[in-house]
Amino acid sequence: MPAFALEVVTPERVAYSGQVSSLQAPGSEGSFGVLSGHVPLLTALQIGRLRFVEEDGGEIQMAISGGFVEVGREQVAVLAETAERIEEIDVERAESARQRAEERLAKARTEEEVDVARAQAALSRAINRLHTSS
């Protein structure tokens, strides 16, 4: 299968750069796949798992926290808020973040000071990290 260039970039670093044969991404309107020669596309990403198969057949999975993807004829750029490979995910930290977010959401039922949207986003990110790492 023909390969195309993929670059996954966050504000802090280039998380991946290489040749891949396929990409699966969590689009804002649902998951979608990209193969070589895909029509150009620009779309938002949601919190989820980014999966791609390298030219040599190895699969890489990353937990991403939203952003954008730009698909060109021979290259794809993923601009993500965060991107972590499975081996980079600190499971204990993600579990602690999940617990803190759940506690904040429980407090939201009785207190008005809790930022519910922020707590829900933190919970989604933590759950995504945990699912991706397992």
N, C-alpha and C. Protein backbone atom coordinates (compact mmCIF):
# COMPACT_ATOMS: atom_id res chain seq x y z
N MET A 1 0.85 -1.18 0.00
CA MET A 1 0.00 0.00 0.00
C MET A 1 0.90 1.25 0.00
N PRO A 2 0.60 2.23 -0.84
CA PRO A 2 1.42 3.44 -0.88
C PRO A 2 1.40 4.18 0.45
N ALA A 3 2.51 4.81 0.78
CA ALA A 3 2.63 5.54 2.04
C ALA A 3 2.47 7.04 1.80
N PHE A 4 2.23 7.75 2.89
CA PHE A 4 2.18 9.20 2.85
C PHE A 4 2.85 9.73 4.11
N ALA A 5 3.25 10.99 4.08
CA ALA A 5 3.94 11.60 5.21
C ALA A 5 2.91 12.00 6.28
N LEU A 6 3.23 11.69 7.54
CA LEU A 6 2.40 12.07 8.67
C LEU A 6 3.25 12.82 9.67
N GLU A 7 2.71 13.93 10.15
CA GLU A 7 3.37 14.68 11.21
C GLU A 7 2.32 14.99 12.26
N VAL A 8 2.62 14.61 13.50
CA VAL A 8 1.75 14.89 14.64
C VAL A 8 2.48 15.91 15.51
N VAL A 9 1.89 17.09 15.64
CA VAL A 9 2.55 18.20 16.32
C VAL A 9 1.67 18.72 17.44
N THR A 10 2.29 19.02 18.60
CA THR A 10 1.61 19.67 19.71
C THR A 10 2.29 21.02 19.92
N PRO A 11 1.76 21.87 20.77
CA PRO A 11 2.45 23.14 21.03
C PRO A 11 3.86 22.95 21.61
N GLU A 12 4.11 21.81 22.25
CA GLU A 12 5.40 21.57 22.89
C GLU A 12 6.41 20.83 22.03
N ARG A 13 5.93 20.01 21.08
CA ARG A 13 6.88 19.13 20.38
C ARG A 13 6.29 18.52 19.12
N VAL A 14 7.17 17.91 18.35
CA VAL A 14 6.74 17.06 17.24
C VAL A 14 6.64 15.65 17.83
N ALA A 15 5.43 15.15 17.97
CA ALA A 15 5.20 13.85 18.61
C ALA A 15 5.49 12.69 17.66
N TYR A 16 5.35 12.93 16.36
CA TYR A 16 5.64 11.89 15.37
C TYR A 16 5.89 12.55 14.02
N SER A 17 6.82 11.98 13.28
CA SER A 17 7.07 12.40 11.91
C SER A 17 7.60 11.19 11.15
N GLY A 18 6.88 10.78 10.11
CA GLY A 18 7.33 9.62 9.35
C GLY A 18 6.35 9.26 8.24
N GLN A 19 6.63 8.14 7.61
CA GLN A 19 5.80 7.63 6.52
C GLN A 19 4.84 6.57 7.06
N VAL A 20 3.58 6.69 6.72
CA VAL A 20 2.56 5.75 7.18
C VAL A 20 1.71 5.29 6.00
N SER A 21 1.06 4.13 6.18
CA SER A 21 0.18 3.63 5.11
C SER A 21 -1.29 3.88 5.40
N SER A 22 -1.63 4.13 6.68
CA SER A 22 -3.02 4.43 7.02
C SER A 22 -3.08 5.20 8.33
N LEU A 23 -4.19 5.91 8.52
CA LEU A 23 -4.40 6.72 9.71
C LEU A 23 -5.87 6.63 10.10
N GLN A 24 -6.14 6.47 11.39
CA GLN A 24 -7.50 6.50 11.93
C GLN A 24 -7.52 7.61 12.96
N ALA A 25 -8.45 8.56 12.85
CA ALA A 25 -8.47 9.73 13.73
C ALA A 25 -9.87 9.96 14.30
N PRO A 26 -9.93 10.54 15.52
CA PRO A 26 -11.22 10.84 16.15
C PRO A 26 -11.73 12.22 15.73
N GLY A 27 -12.42 12.30 14.62
CA GLY A 27 -12.94 13.57 14.13
C GLY A 27 -14.06 14.10 15.00
N SER A 28 -14.30 15.38 14.91
CA SER A 28 -15.36 16.00 15.71
C SER A 28 -16.74 15.49 15.31
N GLU A 29 -16.87 14.97 14.10
CA GLU A 29 -18.14 14.42 13.63
C GLU A 29 -18.11 12.89 13.60
N GLY A 30 -17.07 12.30 14.17
CA GLY A 30 -16.93 10.85 14.20
C GLY A 30 -15.56 10.43 13.68
N SER A 31 -15.22 9.20 13.95
CA SER A 31 -13.92 8.67 13.55
C SER A 31 -13.84 8.57 12.03
N PHE A 32 -12.64 8.79 11.49
CA PHE A 32 -12.46 8.67 10.05
C PHE A 32 -11.07 8.10 9.75
N GLY A 33 -10.94 7.55 8.56
CA GLY A 33 -9.68 6.97 8.14
C GLY A 33 -9.11 7.70 6.94
N VAL A 34 -7.78 7.61 6.81
CA VAL A 34 -7.08 8.24 5.70
C VAL A 34 -6.12 7.21 5.10
N LEU A 35 -6.15 7.10 3.78
CA LEU A 35 -5.19 6.30 3.03
C LEU A 35 -4.50 7.22 2.03
N SER A 36 -3.45 6.74 1.43
CA SER A 36 -2.73 7.52 0.43
C SER A 36 -3.68 7.98 -0.67
N GLY A 37 -3.55 9.22 -1.11
CA GLY A 37 -4.39 9.74 -2.17
C GLY A 37 -5.74 10.26 -1.71
N HIS A 38 -5.95 10.35 -0.40
CA HIS A 38 -7.21 10.87 0.14
C HIS A 38 -7.46 12.29 -0.36
N VAL A 39 -8.70 12.63 -0.56
CA VAL A 39 -9.03 13.99 -0.98
C VAL A 39 -8.62 14.96 0.13
N PRO A 40 -8.22 16.18 -0.23
CA PRO A 40 -7.85 17.16 0.79
C PRO A 40 -9.01 17.40 1.76
N LEU A 41 -8.63 17.61 3.02
CA LEU A 41 -9.63 17.73 4.09
C LEU A 41 -9.03 18.52 5.23
N LEU A 42 -9.82 19.36 5.86
CA LEU A 42 -9.44 20.05 7.09
C LEU A 42 -10.60 19.89 8.04
N THR A 43 -10.33 19.30 9.21
CA THR A 43 -11.42 19.06 10.16
C THR A 43 -10.89 19.11 11.59
N ALA A 44 -11.81 19.35 12.51
CA ALA A 44 -11.48 19.38 13.93
C ALA A 44 -11.41 17.96 14.48
N LEU A 45 -10.60 17.80 15.52
CA LEU A 45 -10.48 16.51 16.21
C LEU A 45 -11.06 16.64 17.60
N GLN A 46 -11.54 15.54 18.12
CA GLN A 46 -12.00 15.51 19.50
C GLN A 46 -11.03 14.66 20.32
N ILE A 47 -11.24 14.61 21.60
CA ILE A 47 -10.44 13.75 22.47
C ILE A 47 -10.65 12.32 22.02
N GLY A 48 -9.55 11.59 21.83
CA GLY A 48 -9.68 10.21 21.39
C GLY A 48 -8.34 9.58 21.06
N ARG A 49 -8.41 8.46 20.36
CA ARG A 49 -7.24 7.68 20.02
C ARG A 49 -6.89 7.87 18.55
N LEU A 50 -5.64 8.23 18.31
CA LEU A 50 -5.09 8.35 16.96
C LEU A 50 -4.32 7.06 16.70
N ARG A 51 -4.65 6.39 15.60
CA ARG A 51 -3.97 5.13 15.24
C ARG A 51 -3.42 5.26 13.84
N PHE A 52 -2.19 4.77 13.67
CA PHE A 52 -1.64 4.74 12.32
C PHE A 52 -0.69 3.58 12.17
N VAL A 53 -0.57 3.14 10.91
CA VAL A 53 0.30 2.02 10.57
C VAL A 53 1.47 2.58 9.79
N GLU A 54 2.67 2.33 10.30
CA GLU A 54 3.87 2.81 9.63
C GLU A 54 4.13 1.99 8.37
N GLU A 55 5.00 2.51 7.54
CA GLU A 55 5.34 1.89 6.27
C GLU A 55 5.80 0.44 6.45
N ASP A 56 6.50 0.14 7.55
CA ASP A 56 7.01 -1.21 7.81
C ASP A 56 5.96 -2.14 8.43
N GLY A 57 4.75 -1.63 8.67
CA GLY A 57 3.67 -2.44 9.21
C GLY A 57 3.43 -2.29 10.70
N GLY A 58 4.30 -1.59 11.41
CA GLY A 58 4.12 -1.37 12.85
C GLY A 58 2.99 -0.39 13.12
N GLU A 59 2.17 -0.70 14.11
CA GLU A 59 1.06 0.19 14.47
C GLU A 59 1.43 1.04 15.67
N ILE A 60 1.07 2.31 15.62
CA ILE A 60 1.29 3.23 16.72
C ILE A 60 -0.07 3.82 17.11
N GLN A 61 -0.28 3.92 18.42
CA GLN A 61 -1.49 4.53 18.94
C GLN A 61 -1.10 5.67 19.86
N MET A 62 -1.87 6.75 19.79
CA MET A 62 -1.63 7.92 20.62
C MET A 62 -2.94 8.41 21.20
N ALA A 63 -2.89 8.86 22.44
CA ALA A 63 -4.03 9.53 23.05
C ALA A 63 -3.88 11.01 22.70
N ILE A 64 -4.90 11.58 22.05
CA ILE A 64 -4.84 13.00 21.71
C ILE A 64 -6.00 13.72 22.38
N SER A 65 -5.79 15.02 22.60
CA SER A 65 -6.81 15.84 23.26
C SER A 65 -7.26 16.95 22.35
N GLY A 66 -7.91 16.58 21.28
CA GLY A 66 -8.46 17.56 20.37
C GLY A 66 -7.41 18.21 19.49
N GLY A 67 -7.87 19.10 18.62
CA GLY A 67 -6.99 19.80 17.69
C GLY A 67 -7.59 19.79 16.30
N PHE A 68 -6.72 19.74 15.29
CA PHE A 68 -7.14 19.76 13.91
C PHE A 68 -6.28 18.80 13.09
N VAL A 69 -6.82 18.35 11.97
CA VAL A 69 -6.05 17.55 11.03
C VAL A 69 -6.24 18.16 9.64
N GLU A 70 -5.12 18.26 8.93
CA GLU A 70 -5.15 18.73 7.56
C GLU A 70 -4.62 17.60 6.68
N VAL A 71 -5.47 17.12 5.79
CA VAL A 71 -5.11 16.03 4.88
C VAL A 71 -4.84 16.63 3.52
N GLY A 72 -3.64 16.35 3.00
CA GLY A 72 -3.27 16.75 1.65
C GLY A 72 -3.14 15.49 0.80
N ARG A 73 -2.81 15.64 -0.45
CA ARG A 73 -2.69 14.49 -1.35
C ARG A 73 -1.59 13.52 -0.92
N GLU A 74 -0.47 14.03 -0.43
CA GLU A 74 0.66 13.17 -0.08
C GLU A 74 1.14 13.34 1.35
N GLN A 75 0.41 14.13 2.15
CA GLN A 75 0.84 14.35 3.53
C GLN A 75 -0.35 14.69 4.41
N VAL A 76 -0.19 14.39 5.70
CA VAL A 76 -1.20 14.69 6.70
C VAL A 76 -0.53 15.36 7.88
N ALA A 77 -1.12 16.45 8.34
CA ALA A 77 -0.62 17.14 9.53
C ALA A 77 -1.69 17.10 10.60
N VAL A 78 -1.33 16.56 11.77
CA VAL A 78 -2.22 16.55 12.92
C VAL A 78 -1.68 17.59 13.89
N LEU A 79 -2.49 18.60 14.17
CA LEU A 79 -2.13 19.64 15.13
C LEU A 79 -2.99 19.40 16.37
N ALA A 80 -2.38 18.76 17.37
CA ALA A 80 -3.13 18.32 18.55
C ALA A 80 -2.77 19.15 19.78
N GLU A 81 -3.74 19.32 20.66
CA GLU A 81 -3.47 20.00 21.93
C GLU A 81 -2.46 19.19 22.73
N THR A 82 -2.65 17.88 22.81
CA THR A 82 -1.69 16.96 23.42
C THR A 82 -1.68 15.69 22.59
N ALA A 83 -0.56 14.98 22.61
CA ALA A 83 -0.44 13.70 21.91
C ALA A 83 0.57 12.86 22.68
N GLU A 84 0.12 11.69 23.15
CA GLU A 84 0.98 10.80 23.93
C GLU A 84 0.91 9.39 23.37
N ARG A 85 2.07 8.81 23.09
CA ARG A 85 2.11 7.40 22.71
C ARG A 85 1.76 6.57 23.93
N ILE A 86 1.34 5.33 23.69
CA ILE A 86 0.96 4.44 24.79
C ILE A 86 2.05 4.38 25.85
N GLU A 87 3.31 4.21 25.43
CA GLU A 87 4.40 4.07 26.38
C GLU A 87 4.72 5.36 27.14
N GLU A 88 4.18 6.49 26.70
CA GLU A 88 4.39 7.77 27.37
C GLU A 88 3.33 8.08 28.42
N ILE A 89 2.24 7.33 28.41
CA ILE A 89 1.13 7.61 29.32
C ILE A 89 1.46 7.14 30.73
N ASP A 90 1.34 8.05 31.67
CA ASP A 90 1.53 7.74 33.08
C ASP A 90 0.15 7.31 33.63
N VAL A 91 -0.04 6.00 33.74
CA VAL A 91 -1.35 5.46 34.11
C VAL A 91 -1.76 5.92 35.51
N GLU A 92 -0.85 5.96 36.45
CA GLU A 92 -1.19 6.41 37.81
C GLU A 92 -1.64 7.86 37.80
N ARG A 93 -0.95 8.69 37.04
CA ARG A 93 -1.33 10.10 36.95
C ARG A 93 -2.70 10.25 36.29
N ALA A 94 -2.95 9.47 35.24
CA ALA A 94 -4.25 9.53 34.56
C ALA A 94 -5.37 9.07 35.48
N GLU A 95 -5.11 8.03 36.26
CA GLU A 95 -6.12 7.55 37.22
C GLU A 95 -6.40 8.60 38.28
N SER A 96 -5.36 9.27 38.78
CA SER A 96 -5.55 10.35 39.77
C SER A 96 -6.35 11.49 39.17
N ALA A 97 -6.06 11.85 37.92
CA ALA A 97 -6.79 12.92 37.24
C ALA A 97 -8.26 12.54 37.06
N ARG A 98 -8.51 11.27 36.73
CA ARG A 98 -9.89 10.80 36.59
C ARG A 98 -10.63 10.93 37.91
N GLN A 99 -10.00 10.51 38.99
CA GLN A 99 -10.63 10.59 40.31
C GLN A 99 -10.92 12.03 40.72
N ARG A 100 -9.95 12.93 40.48
CA ARG A 100 -10.15 14.35 40.83
C ARG A 100 -11.31 14.94 40.03
N ALA A 101 -11.36 14.63 38.74
CA ALA A 101 -12.44 15.16 37.89
C ALA A 101 -13.79 14.63 38.35
N GLU A 102 -13.86 13.35 38.68
CA GLU A 102 -15.12 12.79 39.17
C GLU A 102 -15.54 13.44 40.48
N GLU A 103 -14.58 13.73 41.36
CA GLU A 103 -14.90 14.41 42.63
C GLU A 103 -15.42 15.81 42.38
N ARG A 104 -14.80 16.53 41.43
CA ARG A 104 -15.26 17.88 41.09
C ARG A 104 -16.68 17.84 40.54
N LEU A 105 -16.96 16.86 39.69
CA LEU A 105 -18.30 16.76 39.12
C LEU A 105 -19.33 16.40 40.19
N ALA A 106 -18.95 15.59 41.15
CA ALA A 106 -19.86 15.25 42.26
C ALA A 106 -20.15 16.51 43.09
N LYS A 107 -19.14 17.35 43.29
CA LYS A 107 -19.33 18.60 44.04
C LYS A 107 -20.21 19.58 43.27
N ALA A 108 -20.17 19.49 41.96
CA ALA A 108 -20.93 20.43 41.13
C ALA A 108 -22.42 20.34 41.39
N ARG A 109 -22.86 19.20 41.87
CA ARG A 109 -24.30 19.03 42.16
C ARG A 109 -24.72 19.87 43.37
N THR A 110 -23.76 20.18 44.26
CA THR A 110 -24.09 20.90 45.49
C THR A 110 -23.45 22.28 45.57
N GLU A 111 -22.41 22.53 44.79
CA GLU A 111 -21.70 23.81 44.83
C GLU A 111 -21.74 24.48 43.47
N GLU A 112 -21.85 25.78 43.47
CA GLU A 112 -21.90 26.51 42.21
C GLU A 112 -20.52 26.91 41.70
N GLU A 113 -19.48 26.79 42.53
CA GLU A 113 -18.15 27.26 42.16
C GLU A 113 -17.41 26.32 41.20
N VAL A 114 -17.89 25.12 41.02
CA VAL A 114 -17.20 24.14 40.19
C VAL A 114 -17.44 24.45 38.71
N ASP A 115 -16.37 24.47 37.93
CA ASP A 115 -16.45 24.66 36.48
C ASP A 115 -16.73 23.29 35.87
N VAL A 116 -17.99 23.01 35.60
CA VAL A 116 -18.43 21.70 35.14
C VAL A 116 -17.80 21.35 33.79
N ALA A 117 -17.79 22.27 32.87
CA ALA A 117 -17.22 21.98 31.53
C ALA A 117 -15.75 21.61 31.64
N ARG A 118 -15.02 22.32 32.47
CA ARG A 118 -13.60 22.01 32.65
C ARG A 118 -13.41 20.65 33.30
N ALA A 119 -14.22 20.33 34.29
CA ALA A 119 -14.14 19.02 34.96
C ALA A 119 -14.50 17.90 34.00
N GLN A 120 -15.52 18.11 33.16
CA GLN A 120 -15.90 17.09 32.19
C GLN A 120 -14.79 16.87 31.16
N ALA A 121 -14.15 17.94 30.72
CA ALA A 121 -13.05 17.82 29.76
C ALA A 121 -11.87 17.07 30.39
N ALA A 122 -11.56 17.39 31.64
CA ALA A 122 -10.47 16.69 32.35
C ALA A 122 -10.79 15.21 32.49
N LEU A 123 -12.04 14.89 32.80
CA LEU A 123 -12.46 13.51 32.92
C LEU A 123 -12.32 12.78 31.58
N SER A 124 -12.75 13.42 30.50
CA SER A 124 -12.63 12.81 29.16
C SER A 124 -11.18 12.55 28.79
N ARG A 125 -10.30 13.50 29.07
CA ARG A 125 -8.88 13.31 28.77
C ARG A 125 -8.29 12.16 29.58
N ALA A 126 -8.62 12.09 30.85
CA ALA A 126 -8.09 11.02 31.71
C ALA A 126 -8.60 9.66 31.26
N ILE A 127 -9.88 9.55 30.96
CA ILE A 127 -10.44 8.27 30.50
C ILE A 127 -9.81 7.86 29.17
N ASN A 128 -9.60 8.82 28.27
CA ASN A 128 -8.95 8.52 26.99
C ASN A 128 -7.55 7.97 27.20
N ARG A 129 -6.79 8.58 28.09
CA ARG A 129 -5.43 8.10 28.37
C ARG A 129 -5.48 6.67 28.92
N LEU A 130 -6.40 6.43 29.83
CA LEU A 130 -6.51 5.10 30.43
C LEU A 130 -6.93 4.06 29.39
N HIS A 131 -7.88 4.38 28.54
CA HIS A 131 -8.33 3.44 27.49
C HIS A 131 -7.22 3.19 26.48
N THR A 132 -6.51 4.24 26.10
CA THR A 132 -5.44 4.09 25.11
C THR A 132 -4.31 3.24 25.67
N SER A 133 -4.01 3.41 26.95
CA SER A 133 -2.88 2.68 27.54
C SER A 133 -3.19 1.22 27.82
N SER A 134 -4.46 0.84 27.84
CA SER A 134 -4.79 -0.56 28.15
C SER A 134 -4.91 -1.40 26.89
